[in-house]
Amino acid sequence: MRAWPHGTIDDDIALAATHGSHLSAQDATANEAGLDYRVAMASDATGRTYT
C-alpha cells in the first residue's frame, strides 16, 4: 500500500495550518474508506467543524 505523504493526523493538521486553517488535533479524526484518498475531520478554536 502506498504511504501517505502526510502520515498522521498531526501532519494533516500541520499541513492545514500552512494554508491558514488552524485546527485542533484533539478531536480530529481521519476516514480512509477510499482506496486513494483520506478525509480528515477537525474543528477550530471556535468549535466550527471542517472536513
N, C-alpha and C. Protein backbone atom coordinates (compact mmCIF):
# COMPACT_ATOMS: atom_id res chain seq x y z
N MET A 1 0.83 -1.17 0.00
CA MET A 1 0.00 0.00 0.00
C MET A 1 0.89 1.25 0.00
N ARG A 2 0.49 2.26 -0.73
CA ARG A 2 1.25 3.50 -0.84
C ARG A 2 1.18 4.29 0.46
N ALA A 3 2.30 4.81 0.91
CA ALA A 3 2.34 5.63 2.12
C ALA A 3 1.80 7.03 1.80
N TRP A 4 1.03 7.56 2.72
CA TRP A 4 0.52 8.93 2.55
C TRP A 4 1.67 9.91 2.72
N PRO A 5 1.67 10.99 1.96
CA PRO A 5 2.75 11.97 2.12
C PRO A 5 2.74 12.64 3.49
N HIS A 6 1.59 12.69 4.12
CA HIS A 6 1.46 13.28 5.46
C HIS A 6 0.79 12.21 6.31
N GLY A 7 1.62 11.39 6.98
CA GLY A 7 1.19 10.14 7.56
C GLY A 7 0.26 10.17 8.76
N THR A 8 0.32 11.18 9.61
CA THR A 8 -0.51 11.16 10.81
C THR A 8 -1.52 12.30 10.78
N ILE A 9 -2.48 12.22 11.67
CA ILE A 9 -3.47 13.29 11.76
C ILE A 9 -2.78 14.60 12.17
N ASP A 10 -1.74 14.51 13.00
CA ASP A 10 -0.99 15.71 13.37
C ASP A 10 -0.32 16.33 12.15
N ASP A 11 0.16 15.50 11.23
CA ASP A 11 0.74 16.01 9.99
C ASP A 11 -0.32 16.70 9.15
N ASP A 12 -1.53 16.13 9.12
CA ASP A 12 -2.63 16.75 8.36
C ASP A 12 -2.99 18.11 8.94
N ILE A 13 -3.05 18.20 10.28
CA ILE A 13 -3.36 19.46 10.95
C ILE A 13 -2.28 20.50 10.66
N ALA A 14 -1.02 20.06 10.70
CA ALA A 14 0.09 20.97 10.39
C ALA A 14 0.02 21.45 8.95
N LEU A 15 -0.34 20.57 8.03
CA LEU A 15 -0.48 20.97 6.63
C LEU A 15 -1.60 21.98 6.47
N ALA A 16 -2.72 21.76 7.15
CA ALA A 16 -3.83 22.72 7.08
C ALA A 16 -3.40 24.09 7.60
N ALA A 17 -2.57 24.10 8.63
CA ALA A 17 -2.09 25.37 9.20
C ALA A 17 -1.26 26.15 8.19
N THR A 18 -0.52 25.46 7.32
CA THR A 18 0.28 26.16 6.32
C THR A 18 -0.61 26.85 5.29
N HIS A 19 -1.88 26.46 5.26
CA HIS A 19 -2.85 27.08 4.35
C HIS A 19 -3.82 28.00 5.08
N GLY A 20 -3.50 28.35 6.34
CA GLY A 20 -4.29 29.30 7.09
C GLY A 20 -5.42 28.72 7.93
N SER A 21 -5.58 27.41 7.96
CA SER A 21 -6.62 26.77 8.78
C SER A 21 -5.98 26.27 10.07
N HIS A 22 -6.36 26.86 11.19
CA HIS A 22 -5.77 26.50 12.48
C HIS A 22 -6.76 25.62 13.23
N LEU A 23 -6.56 24.31 13.07
CA LEU A 23 -7.48 23.31 13.59
C LEU A 23 -6.88 22.61 14.81
N SER A 24 -7.75 22.02 15.62
CA SER A 24 -7.33 21.30 16.80
C SER A 24 -7.17 19.82 16.48
N ALA A 25 -6.04 19.25 16.88
CA ALA A 25 -5.82 17.82 16.69
C ALA A 25 -6.51 17.01 17.78
N GLN A 26 -6.97 17.68 18.83
CA GLN A 26 -7.55 16.99 19.97
C GLN A 26 -8.76 16.12 19.60
N ASP A 27 -9.66 16.64 18.78
CA ASP A 27 -10.85 15.87 18.40
C ASP A 27 -10.85 15.47 16.93
N ALA A 28 -9.71 15.61 16.29
CA ALA A 28 -9.62 15.31 14.85
C ALA A 28 -9.67 13.80 14.60
N THR A 29 -10.32 13.46 13.50
CA THR A 29 -10.39 12.05 13.09
C THR A 29 -10.09 11.96 11.60
N ALA A 30 -9.71 10.77 11.18
CA ALA A 30 -9.44 10.54 9.76
C ALA A 30 -10.28 9.37 9.28
N ASN A 31 -10.75 9.46 8.05
CA ASN A 31 -11.52 8.39 7.42
C ASN A 31 -10.77 7.98 6.16
N GLU A 32 -10.33 6.75 6.13
CA GLU A 32 -9.59 6.24 4.98
C GLU A 32 -10.40 5.17 4.26
N ALA A 33 -11.70 5.41 4.09
CA ALA A 33 -12.59 4.43 3.47
C ALA A 33 -12.31 4.23 1.98
N GLY A 34 -11.77 5.23 1.34
CA GLY A 34 -11.48 5.11 -0.09
C GLY A 34 -10.12 4.50 -0.34
N LEU A 35 -9.92 4.03 -1.53
CA LEU A 35 -8.64 3.43 -1.88
C LEU A 35 -7.56 4.46 -2.15
N ASP A 36 -7.95 5.66 -2.58
CA ASP A 36 -6.96 6.64 -2.98
C ASP A 36 -7.15 8.01 -2.35
N TYR A 37 -7.81 8.06 -1.21
CA TYR A 37 -7.95 9.34 -0.52
C TYR A 37 -8.13 9.13 0.97
N ARG A 38 -7.90 10.21 1.72
CA ARG A 38 -8.16 10.22 3.15
C ARG A 38 -8.87 11.52 3.47
N VAL A 39 -9.89 11.45 4.29
CA VAL A 39 -10.64 12.63 4.70
C VAL A 39 -10.37 12.86 6.18
N ALA A 40 -9.98 14.08 6.53
CA ALA A 40 -9.77 14.44 7.93
C ALA A 40 -10.89 15.36 8.37
N MET A 41 -11.39 15.14 9.59
CA MET A 41 -12.41 15.99 10.17
C MET A 41 -11.85 16.57 11.46
N ALA A 42 -11.96 17.90 11.59
CA ALA A 42 -11.42 18.58 12.77
C ALA A 42 -12.18 19.88 12.98
N SER A 43 -11.97 20.49 14.14
CA SER A 43 -12.63 21.77 14.43
C SER A 43 -11.58 22.80 14.82
N ASP A 44 -11.99 24.07 14.71
CA ASP A 44 -11.09 25.15 15.10
C ASP A 44 -11.40 25.57 16.54
N ALA A 45 -10.75 26.64 17.01
CA ALA A 45 -10.89 27.09 18.39
C ALA A 45 -12.32 27.55 18.73
N THR A 46 -13.08 27.94 17.72
CA THR A 46 -14.47 28.37 17.96
C THR A 46 -15.46 27.22 17.94
N GLY A 47 -14.99 26.03 17.59
CA GLY A 47 -15.87 24.86 17.51
C GLY A 47 -16.42 24.58 16.13
N ARG A 48 -16.10 25.43 15.18
CA ARG A 48 -16.55 25.20 13.80
C ARG A 48 -15.84 23.99 13.24
N THR A 49 -16.60 23.07 12.65
CA THR A 49 -16.00 21.84 12.12
C THR A 49 -15.65 21.97 10.64
N TYR A 50 -14.60 21.26 10.26
CA TYR A 50 -14.12 21.25 8.89
C TYR A 50 -13.88 19.82 8.45
N THR A 51 -14.09 19.54 7.17
CA THR A 51 -13.79 18.25 6.58
C THR A 51 -12.77 18.44 5.49
